[in-house]
Amino acid sequence: MLATASALSIGIVGGGIGGLTVGIGARMVGHEVTVYEKGTLTGYEGTGLTRWPNGLEAIRCIDRALYKKVVSTGQRCERVIVGDQVNPT
């Protein structure tokens, strides 16, 4: 943890990937963080997490151990198709 001149008490609204990332970063430099999320996780929700190269680089900069775990447990996406595949126009 890095030392700061004066630690702040920070409230973050939203426990998504952005809110949690900001919270982790703020705690790493010595701030007190509370993340507020109105949703509840009662089971599987969402469709997974796509990590683009810039996102992976951000994870690597924040926490190298987490980066290694993400890369080792994830699957590489070779192709992305955007559009309506059921009714292509």
PDB file of N, CA and C in Angstrom:
ATOM      1  N   MET A   1       0.845  -1.175   0.000  1.00  0.00           N
ATOM      2  CA  MET A   1       0.000   0.000   0.000  1.00  0.00           C
ATOM      3  C   MET A   1       0.893   1.242   0.000  1.00  0.00           C
ATOM      4  N   LEU A   2       0.562   2.192  -0.828  1.00  0.00           N
ATOM      5  CA  LEU A   2       1.309   3.435  -0.890  1.00  0.00           C
ATOM      6  C   LEU A   2       0.825   4.398   0.183  1.00  0.00           C
ATOM      7  N   ALA A   3       1.711   5.194   0.716  1.00  0.00           N
ATOM      8  CA  ALA A   3       1.327   6.186   1.718  1.00  0.00           C
ATOM      9  C   ALA A   3       0.734   7.407   1.026  1.00  0.00           C
ATOM     10  N   THR A   4      -0.286   7.991   1.628  1.00  0.00           N
ATOM     11  CA  THR A   4      -0.884   9.208   1.093  1.00  0.00           C
ATOM     12  C   THR A   4      -0.778  10.307   2.136  1.00  0.00           C
ATOM     13  N   ALA A   5      -0.822  11.551   1.669  1.00  0.00           N
ATOM     14  CA  ALA A   5      -0.733  12.688   2.586  1.00  0.00           C
ATOM     15  C   ALA A   5      -1.916  12.678   3.544  1.00  0.00           C
ATOM     16  N   SER A   6      -3.110  12.446   3.024  1.00  0.00           N
ATOM     17  CA  SER A   6      -4.278  12.331   3.896  1.00  0.00           C
ATOM     18  C   SER A   6      -5.263  11.380   3.226  1.00  0.00           C
ATOM     19  N   ALA A   7      -5.571  10.304   3.929  1.00  0.00           N
ATOM     20  CA  ALA A   7      -6.488   9.309   3.400  1.00  0.00           C
ATOM     21  C   ALA A   7      -7.896   9.886   3.346  1.00  0.00           C
ATOM     22  N   LEU A   8      -8.600   9.548   2.283  1.00  0.00           N
ATOM     23  CA  LEU A   8      -9.979   9.986   2.107  1.00  0.00           C
ATOM     24  C   LEU A   8     -10.933   8.845   2.413  1.00  0.00           C
ATOM     25  N   SER A   9     -12.154   9.185   2.767  1.00  0.00           N
ATOM     26  CA  SER A   9     -13.225   8.210   2.886  1.00  0.00           C
ATOM     27  C   SER A   9     -14.062   8.361   1.615  1.00  0.00           C
ATOM     28  N   ILE A  10     -14.046   7.336   0.763  1.00  0.00           N
ATOM     29  CA  ILE A  10     -14.654   7.419  -0.560  1.00  0.00           C
ATOM     30  C   ILE A  10     -15.841   6.482  -0.649  1.00  0.00           C
ATOM     31  N   GLY A  11     -16.970   6.988  -1.148  1.00  0.00           N
ATOM     32  CA  GLY A  11     -18.146   6.175  -1.434  1.00  0.00           C
ATOM     33  C   GLY A  11     -18.277   6.009  -2.931  1.00  0.00           C
ATOM     34  N   ILE A  12     -18.431   4.779  -3.397  1.00  0.00           N
ATOM     35  CA  ILE A  12     -18.580   4.489  -4.817  1.00  0.00           C
ATOM     36  C   ILE A  12     -19.948   3.878  -5.034  1.00  0.00           C
ATOM     37  N   VAL A  13     -20.720   4.484  -5.931  1.00  0.00           N
ATOM     38  CA  VAL A  13     -22.058   3.993  -6.242  1.00  0.00           C
ATOM     39  C   VAL A  13     -21.960   3.077  -7.452  1.00  0.00           C
ATOM     40  N   GLY A  14     -22.245   1.810  -7.240  1.00  0.00           N
ATOM     41  CA  GLY A  14     -22.214   0.829  -8.308  1.00  0.00           C
ATOM     42  C   GLY A  14     -21.107  -0.177  -8.110  1.00  0.00           C
ATOM     43  N   GLY A  15     -21.487  -1.436  -7.979  1.00  0.00           N
ATOM     44  CA  GLY A  15     -20.523  -2.504  -7.750  1.00  0.00           C
ATOM     45  C   GLY A  15     -20.200  -3.294  -8.995  1.00  0.00           C
ATOM     46  N   GLY A  16     -20.283  -2.643 -10.151  1.00  0.00           N
ATOM     47  CA  GLY A  16     -19.891  -3.301 -11.397  1.00  0.00           C
ATOM     48  C   GLY A  16     -18.384  -3.307 -11.535  1.00  0.00           C
ATOM     49  N   ILE A  17     -17.925  -3.706 -12.706  1.00  0.00           N
ATOM     50  CA  ILE A  17     -16.489  -3.820 -12.915  1.00  0.00           C
ATOM     51  C   ILE A  17     -15.788  -2.473 -12.743  1.00  0.00           C
ATOM     52  N   GLY A  18     -16.408  -1.383 -13.171  1.00  0.00           N
ATOM     53  CA  GLY A  18     -15.798  -0.066 -13.017  1.00  0.00           C
ATOM     54  C   GLY A  18     -15.709   0.366 -11.570  1.00  0.00           C
ATOM     55  N   GLY A  19     -16.809   0.236 -10.838  1.00  0.00           N
ATOM     56  CA  GLY A  19     -16.836   0.635  -9.436  1.00  0.00           C
ATOM     57  C   GLY A  19     -15.872  -0.173  -8.586  1.00  0.00           C
ATOM     58  N   LEU A  20     -15.840  -1.472  -8.832  1.00  0.00           N
ATOM     59  CA  LEU A  20     -14.929  -2.317  -8.056  1.00  0.00           C
ATOM     60  C   LEU A  20     -13.471  -2.019  -8.386  1.00  0.00           C
ATOM     61  N   THR A  21     -13.188  -1.740  -9.651  1.00  0.00           N
ATOM     62  CA  THR A  21     -11.812  -1.421 -10.039  1.00  0.00           C
ATOM     63  C   THR A  21     -11.349  -0.124  -9.396  1.00  0.00           C
ATOM     64  N   VAL A  22     -12.206   0.891  -9.409  1.00  0.00           N
ATOM     65  CA  VAL A  22     -11.866   2.160  -8.766  1.00  0.00           C
ATOM     66  C   VAL A  22     -11.676   1.948  -7.268  1.00  0.00           C
ATOM     67  N   GLY A  23     -12.551   1.154  -6.666  1.00  0.00           N
ATOM     68  CA  GLY A  23     -12.432   0.872  -5.235  1.00  0.00           C
ATOM     69  C   GLY A  23     -11.124   0.181  -4.886  1.00  0.00           C
ATOM     70  N   ILE A  24     -10.739  -0.809  -5.682  1.00  0.00           N
ATOM     71  CA  ILE A  24      -9.473  -1.511  -5.435  1.00  0.00           C
ATOM     72  C   ILE A  24      -8.306  -0.549  -5.551  1.00  0.00           C
ATOM     73  N   GLY A  25      -8.318   0.263  -6.614  1.00  0.00           N
ATOM     74  CA  GLY A  25      -7.231   1.219  -6.811  1.00  0.00           C
ATOM     75  C   GLY A  25      -7.128   2.221  -5.679  1.00  0.00           C
ATOM     76  N   ALA A  26      -8.275   2.737  -5.228  1.00  0.00           N
ATOM     77  CA  ALA A  26      -8.267   3.716  -4.134  1.00  0.00           C
ATOM     78  C   ALA A  26      -7.774   3.087  -2.831  1.00  0.00           C
ATOM     79  N   ARG A  27      -8.168   1.852  -2.559  1.00  0.00           N
ATOM     80  CA  ARG A  27      -7.679   1.185  -1.347  1.00  0.00           C
ATOM     81  C   ARG A  27      -6.190   0.910  -1.416  1.00  0.00           C
ATOM     82  N   MET A  28      -5.698   0.628  -2.614  1.00  0.00           N
ATOM     83  CA  MET A  28      -4.267   0.340  -2.766  1.00  0.00           C
ATOM     84  C   MET A  28      -3.401   1.548  -2.421  1.00  0.00           C
ATOM     85  N   VAL A  29      -3.951   2.747  -2.556  1.00  0.00           N
ATOM     86  CA  VAL A  29      -3.169   3.944  -2.213  1.00  0.00           C
ATOM     87  C   VAL A  29      -3.568   4.509  -0.853  1.00  0.00           C
ATOM     88  N   GLY A  30      -4.309   3.722  -0.062  1.00  0.00           N
ATOM     89  CA  GLY A  30      -4.531   4.076   1.324  1.00  0.00           C
ATOM     90  C   GLY A  30      -5.846   4.740   1.682  1.00  0.00           C
ATOM     91  N   HIS A  31      -6.784   4.824   0.756  1.00  0.00           N
ATOM     92  CA  HIS A  31      -8.074   5.437   1.073  1.00  0.00           C
ATOM     93  C   HIS A  31      -9.041   4.405   1.642  1.00  0.00           C
ATOM     94  N   GLU A  32      -9.981   4.885   2.428  1.00  0.00           N
ATOM     95  CA  GLU A  32     -11.055   4.035   2.950  1.00  0.00           C
ATOM     96  C   GLU A  32     -12.179   4.053   1.924  1.00  0.00           C
ATOM     97  N   VAL A  33     -12.642   2.877   1.493  1.00  0.00           N
ATOM     98  CA  VAL A  33     -13.612   2.800   0.402  1.00  0.00           C
ATOM     99  C   VAL A  33     -14.826   1.993   0.825  1.00  0.00           C
ATOM    100  N   THR A  34     -16.012   2.518   0.476  1.00  0.00           N
ATOM    101  CA  THR A  34     -17.259   1.775   0.615  1.00  0.00           C
ATOM    102  C   THR A  34     -17.924   1.751  -0.751  1.00  0.00           C
ATOM    103  N   VAL A  35     -18.272   0.561  -1.245  1.00  0.00           N
ATOM    104  CA  VAL A  35     -18.957   0.413  -2.525  1.00  0.00           C
ATOM    105  C   VAL A  35     -20.432   0.132  -2.231  1.00  0.00           C
ATOM    106  N   TYR A  36     -21.306   0.925  -2.847  1.00  0.00           N
ATOM    107  CA  TYR A  36     -22.745   0.769  -2.675  1.00  0.00           C
ATOM    108  C   TYR A  36     -23.335   0.140  -3.933  1.00  0.00           C
ATOM    109  N   GLU A  37     -24.081  -0.932  -3.760  1.00  0.00           N
ATOM    110  CA  GLU A  37     -24.708  -1.632  -4.879  1.00  0.00           C
ATOM    111  C   GLU A  37     -26.120  -2.007  -4.476  1.00  0.00           C
ATOM    112  N   LYS A  38     -27.114  -1.620  -5.269  1.00  0.00           N
ATOM    113  CA  LYS A  38     -28.501  -1.926  -4.910  1.00  0.00           C
ATOM    114  C   LYS A  38     -28.921  -3.329  -5.334  1.00  0.00           C
ATOM    115  N   GLY A  39     -28.253  -3.884  -6.336  1.00  0.00           N
ATOM    116  CA  GLY A  39     -28.601  -5.220  -6.802  1.00  0.00           C
ATOM    117  C   GLY A  39     -28.120  -6.288  -5.836  1.00  0.00           C
ATOM    118  N   THR A  40     -28.741  -7.449  -5.930  1.00  0.00           N
ATOM    119  CA  THR A  40     -28.314  -8.589  -5.126  1.00  0.00           C
ATOM    120  C   THR A  40     -27.940  -9.720  -6.069  1.00  0.00           C
ATOM    121  N   LEU A  41     -26.969 -10.479  -5.682  1.00  0.00           N
ATOM    122  CA  LEU A  41     -26.554 -11.621  -6.486  1.00  0.00           C
ATOM    123  C   LEU A  41     -27.150 -12.868  -5.860  1.00  0.00           C
ATOM    124  N   THR A  42     -28.162 -13.419  -6.509  1.00  0.00           N
ATOM    125  CA  THR A  42     -28.829 -14.603  -5.976  1.00  0.00           C
ATOM    126  C   THR A  42     -28.512 -15.845  -6.795  1.00  0.00           C
ATOM    127  N   GLY A  43     -27.721 -15.702  -7.807  1.00  0.00           N
ATOM    128  CA  GLY A  43     -27.351 -16.822  -8.664  1.00  0.00           C
ATOM    129  C   GLY A  43     -26.545 -16.282  -9.827  1.00  0.00           C
ATOM    130  N   TYR A  44     -26.410 -17.078 -10.864  1.00  0.00           N
ATOM    131  CA  TYR A  44     -25.650 -16.644 -12.030  1.00  0.00           C
ATOM    132  C   TYR A  44     -26.365 -15.494 -12.717  1.00  0.00           C
ATOM    133  N   GLU A  45     -25.643 -14.439 -12.951  1.00  0.00           N
ATOM    134  CA  GLU A  45     -26.183 -13.290 -13.674  1.00  0.00           C
ATOM    135  C   GLU A  45     -25.148 -12.831 -14.684  1.00  0.00           C
ATOM    136  N   GLY A  46     -25.606 -12.356 -15.806  1.00  0.00           N
ATOM    137  CA  GLY A  46     -24.689 -11.811 -16.794  1.00  0.00           C
ATOM    138  C   GLY A  46     -24.247 -12.847 -17.803  1.00  0.00           C
ATOM    139  N   THR A  47     -23.398 -12.405 -18.696  1.00  0.00           N
ATOM    140  CA  THR A  47     -22.966 -13.280 -19.775  1.00  0.00           C
ATOM    141  C   THR A  47     -21.461 -13.483 -19.776  1.00  0.00           C
ATOM    142  N   GLY A  48     -20.817 -13.131 -18.715  1.00  0.00           N
ATOM    143  CA  GLY A  48     -19.370 -13.283 -18.660  1.00  0.00           C
ATOM    144  C   GLY A  48     -18.683 -11.943 -18.799  1.00  0.00           C
ATOM    145  N   LEU A  49     -17.405 -11.978 -18.852  1.00  0.00           N
ATOM    146  CA  LEU A  49     -16.601 -10.761 -18.908  1.00  0.00           C
ATOM    147  C   LEU A  49     -15.634 -10.869 -20.069  1.00  0.00           C
ATOM    148  N   THR A  50     -15.732  -9.926 -20.982  1.00  0.00           N
ATOM    149  CA  THR A  50     -14.789  -9.875 -22.086  1.00  0.00           C
ATOM    150  C   THR A  50     -13.668  -8.933 -21.700  1.00  0.00           C
ATOM    151  N   ARG A  51     -12.459  -9.421 -21.784  1.00  0.00           N
ATOM    152  CA  ARG A  51     -11.305  -8.609 -21.408  1.00  0.00           C
ATOM    153  C   ARG A  51     -10.538  -8.263 -22.668  1.00  0.00           C
ATOM    154  N   TRP A  52     -10.682  -7.041 -23.111  1.00  0.00           N
ATOM    155  CA  TRP A  52      -9.949  -6.555 -24.275  1.00  0.00           C
ATOM    156  C   TRP A  52      -8.512  -6.298 -23.854  1.00  0.00           C
ATOM    157  N   PRO A  53      -7.592  -6.182 -24.808  1.00  0.00           N
ATOM    158  CA  PRO A  53      -6.181  -5.972 -24.461  1.00  0.00           C
ATOM    159  C   PRO A  53      -5.942  -4.788 -23.525  1.00  0.00           C
ATOM    160  N   ASN A  54      -6.640  -3.680 -23.720  1.00  0.00           N
ATOM    161  CA  ASN A  54      -6.431  -2.532 -22.825  1.00  0.00           C
ATOM    162  C   ASN A  54      -6.945  -2.830 -21.419  1.00  0.00           C
ATOM    163  N   GLY A  55      -8.006  -3.612 -21.305  1.00  0.00           N
ATOM    164  CA  GLY A  55      -8.504  -4.010 -19.987  1.00  0.00           C
ATOM    165  C   GLY A  55      -7.539  -4.935 -19.276  1.00  0.00           C
ATOM    166  N   LEU A  56      -6.959  -5.869 -20.026  1.00  0.00           N
ATOM    167  CA  LEU A  56      -5.963  -6.762 -19.433  1.00  0.00           C
ATOM    168  C   LEU A  56      -4.741  -5.977 -18.953  1.00  0.00           C
ATOM    169  N   GLU A  57      -4.344  -4.983 -19.721  1.00  0.00           N
ATOM    170  CA  GLU A  57      -3.206  -4.164 -19.311  1.00  0.00           C
ATOM    171  C   GLU A  57      -3.523  -3.406 -18.024  1.00  0.00           C
ATOM    172  N   ALA A  58      -4.758  -2.913 -17.893  1.00  0.00           N
ATOM    173  CA  ALA A  58      -5.162  -2.218 -16.661  1.00  0.00           C
ATOM    174  C   ALA A  58      -5.114  -3.175 -15.473  1.00  0.00           C
ATOM    175  N   ILE A  59      -5.599  -4.395 -15.659  1.00  0.00           N
ATOM    176  CA  ILE A  59      -5.550  -5.392 -14.583  1.00  0.00           C
ATOM    177  C   ILE A  59      -4.097  -5.689 -14.216  1.00  0.00           C
ATOM    178  N   ARG A  60      -3.222  -5.819 -15.216  1.00  0.00           N
ATOM    179  CA  ARG A  60      -1.817  -6.106 -14.957  1.00  0.00           C
ATOM    180  C   ARG A  60      -1.163  -4.991 -14.147  1.00  0.00           C
ATOM    181  N   CYS A  61      -1.527  -3.743 -14.451  1.00  0.00           N
ATOM    182  CA  CYS A  61      -0.954  -2.610 -13.719  1.00  0.00           C
ATOM    183  C   CYS A  61      -1.449  -2.552 -12.274  1.00  0.00           C
ATOM    184  N   ILE A  62      -2.686  -2.966 -12.047  1.00  0.00           N
ATOM    185  CA  ILE A  62      -3.269  -2.910 -10.704  1.00  0.00           C
ATOM    186  C   ILE A  62      -2.751  -4.054  -9.836  1.00  0.00           C
ATOM    187  N   ASP A  63      -2.712  -5.268 -10.405  1.00  0.00           N
ATOM    188  CA  ASP A  63      -2.369  -6.436  -9.588  1.00  0.00           C
ATOM    189  C   ASP A  63      -1.842  -7.545 -10.491  1.00  0.00           C
ATOM    190  N   ARG A  64      -0.538  -7.757 -10.479  1.00  0.00           N
ATOM    191  CA  ARG A  64       0.075  -8.758 -11.365  1.00  0.00           C
ATOM    192  C   ARG A  64      -0.395 -10.179 -11.062  1.00  0.00           C
ATOM    193  N   ALA A  65      -0.631 -10.493  -9.804  1.00  0.00           N
ATOM    194  CA  ALA A  65      -1.105 -11.840  -9.457  1.00  0.00           C
ATOM    195  C   ALA A  65      -2.508 -12.070 -10.017  1.00  0.00           C
ATOM    196  N   LEU A  66      -3.371 -11.064  -9.920  1.00  0.00           N
ATOM    197  CA  LEU A  66      -4.719 -11.171 -10.480  1.00  0.00           C
ATOM    198  C   LEU A  66      -4.642 -11.318 -11.994  1.00  0.00           C
ATOM    199  N   TYR A  67      -3.764 -10.547 -12.624  1.00  0.00           N
ATOM    200  CA  TYR A  67      -3.579 -10.628 -14.072  1.00  0.00           C
ATOM    201  C   TYR A  67      -3.224 -12.057 -14.484  1.00  0.00           C
ATOM    202  N   LYS A  68      -2.272 -12.659 -13.788  1.00  0.00           N
ATOM    203  CA  LYS A  68      -1.852 -14.015 -14.124  1.00  0.00           C
ATOM    204  C   LYS A  68      -3.004 -15.000 -13.973  1.00  0.00           C
ATOM    205  N   LYS A  69      -3.819 -14.808 -12.936  1.00  0.00           N
ATOM    206  CA  LYS A  69      -4.964 -15.708 -12.726  1.00  0.00           C
ATOM    207  C   LYS A  69      -6.013 -15.521 -13.828  1.00  0.00           C
ATOM    208  N   VAL A  70      -6.288 -14.278 -14.186  1.00  0.00           N
ATOM    209  CA  VAL A  70      -7.274 -13.993 -15.244  1.00  0.00           C
ATOM    210  C   VAL A  70      -6.821 -14.618 -16.561  1.00  0.00           C
ATOM    211  N   VAL A  71      -5.569 -14.424 -16.905  1.00  0.00           N
ATOM    212  CA  VAL A  71      -5.052 -14.949 -18.172  1.00  0.00           C
ATOM    213  C   VAL A  71      -5.035 -16.472 -18.172  1.00  0.00           C
ATOM    214  N   SER A  72      -4.695 -17.072 -17.042  1.00  0.00           N
ATOM    215  CA  SER A  72      -4.592 -18.534 -16.992  1.00  0.00           C
ATOM    216  C   SER A  72      -5.953 -19.222 -16.943  1.00  0.00           C
ATOM    217  N   THR A  73      -6.993 -18.543 -16.449  1.00  0.00           N
ATOM    218  CA  THR A  73      -8.300 -19.188 -16.331  1.00  0.00           C
ATOM    219  C   THR A  73      -9.266 -18.791 -17.437  1.00  0.00           C
ATOM    220  N   GLY A  74      -8.950 -17.739 -18.160  1.00  0.00           N
ATOM    221  CA  GLY A  74      -9.844 -17.278 -19.218  1.00  0.00           C
ATOM    222  C   GLY A  74      -9.643 -18.039 -20.515  1.00  0.00           C
ATOM    223  N   GLN A  75     -10.488 -17.723 -21.476  1.00  0.00           N
ATOM    224  CA  GLN A  75     -10.371 -18.316 -22.802  1.00  0.00           C
ATOM    225  C   GLN A  75     -10.119 -17.207 -23.809  1.00  0.00           C
ATOM    226  N   ARG A  76      -9.260 -17.470 -24.754  1.00  0.00           N
ATOM    227  CA  ARG A  76      -8.925 -16.488 -25.782  1.00  0.00           C
ATOM    228  C   ARG A  76     -10.048 -16.441 -26.822  1.00  0.00           C
ATOM    229  N   CYS A  77     -10.464 -15.240 -27.152  1.00  0.00           N
ATOM    230  CA  CYS A  77     -11.496 -15.031 -28.170  1.00  0.00           C
ATOM    231  C   CYS A  77     -10.795 -14.754 -29.497  1.00  0.00           C
ATOM    232  N   GLU A  78     -11.002 -15.610 -30.452  1.00  0.00           N
ATOM    233  CA  GLU A  78     -10.335 -15.461 -31.747  1.00  0.00           C
ATOM    234  C   GLU A  78     -11.124 -14.581 -32.714  1.00  0.00           C
ATOM    235  N   ARG A  79     -12.435 -14.447 -32.493  1.00  0.00           N
ATOM    236  CA  ARG A  79     -13.271 -13.715 -33.446  1.00  0.00           C
ATOM    237  C   ARG A  79     -14.492 -13.156 -32.744  1.00  0.00           C
ATOM    238  N   VAL A  80     -14.878 -11.938 -33.094  1.00  0.00           N
ATOM    239  CA  VAL A  80     -16.081 -11.308 -32.565  1.00  0.00           C
ATOM    240  C   VAL A  80     -16.967 -10.898 -33.728  1.00  0.00           C
ATOM    241  N   ILE A  81     -18.231 -11.311 -33.681  1.00  0.00           N
ATOM    242  CA  ILE A  81     -19.191 -10.933 -34.726  1.00  0.00           C
ATOM    243  C   ILE A  81     -20.214 -10.020 -34.066  1.00  0.00           C
ATOM    244  N   VAL A  82     -20.370  -8.827 -34.607  1.00  0.00           N
ATOM    245  CA  VAL A  82     -21.320  -7.873 -34.064  1.00  0.00           C
ATOM    246  C   VAL A  82     -22.479  -7.756 -35.032  1.00  0.00           C
ATOM    247  N   GLY A  83     -23.686  -7.860 -34.515  1.00  0.00           N
ATOM    248  CA  GLY A  83     -24.863  -7.738 -35.355  1.00  0.00           C
ATOM    249  C   GLY A  83     -25.869  -8.812 -35.017  1.00  0.00           C
ATOM    250  N   ASP A  84     -26.951  -8.829 -35.737  1.00  0.00           N
ATOM    251  CA  ASP A  84     -28.040  -9.765 -35.523  1.00  0.00           C
ATOM    252  C   ASP A  84     -27.779 -11.032 -36.336  1.00  0.00           C
ATOM    253  N   GLN A  85     -27.361 -12.083 -35.672  1.00  0.00           N
ATOM    254  CA  GLN A  85     -27.047 -13.323 -36.363  1.00  0.00           C
ATOM    255  C   GLN A  85     -28.278 -14.175 -36.613  1.00  0.00           C
ATOM    256  N   VAL A  86     -29.401 -13.867 -35.953  1.00  0.00           N
ATOM    257  CA  VAL A  86     -30.633 -14.607 -36.169  1.00  0.00           C
ATOM    258  C   VAL A  86     -31.298 -14.112 -37.451  1.00  0.00           C
ATOM    259  N   ASN A  87     -31.344 -12.796 -37.609  1.00  0.00           N
ATOM    260  CA  ASN A  87     -31.957 -12.191 -38.785  1.00  0.00           C
ATOM    261  C   ASN A  87     -31.002 -11.198 -39.432  1.00  0.00           C
ATOM    262  N   PRO A  88     -29.926 -11.683 -40.052  1.00  0.00           N
ATOM    263  CA  PRO A  88     -28.965 -10.739 -40.637  1.00  0.00           C
ATOM    264  C   PRO A  88     -29.603  -9.925 -41.763  1.00  0.00           C
ATOM    265  N   THR A  89     -29.174  -8.665 -41.845  1.00  0.00           N
ATOM    266  CA  THR A  89     -29.740  -7.801 -42.904  1.00  0.00           C
ATOM    267  C   THR A  89     -28.720  -7.513 -43.966  1.00  0.00           C
TER     268      THR A  89
END
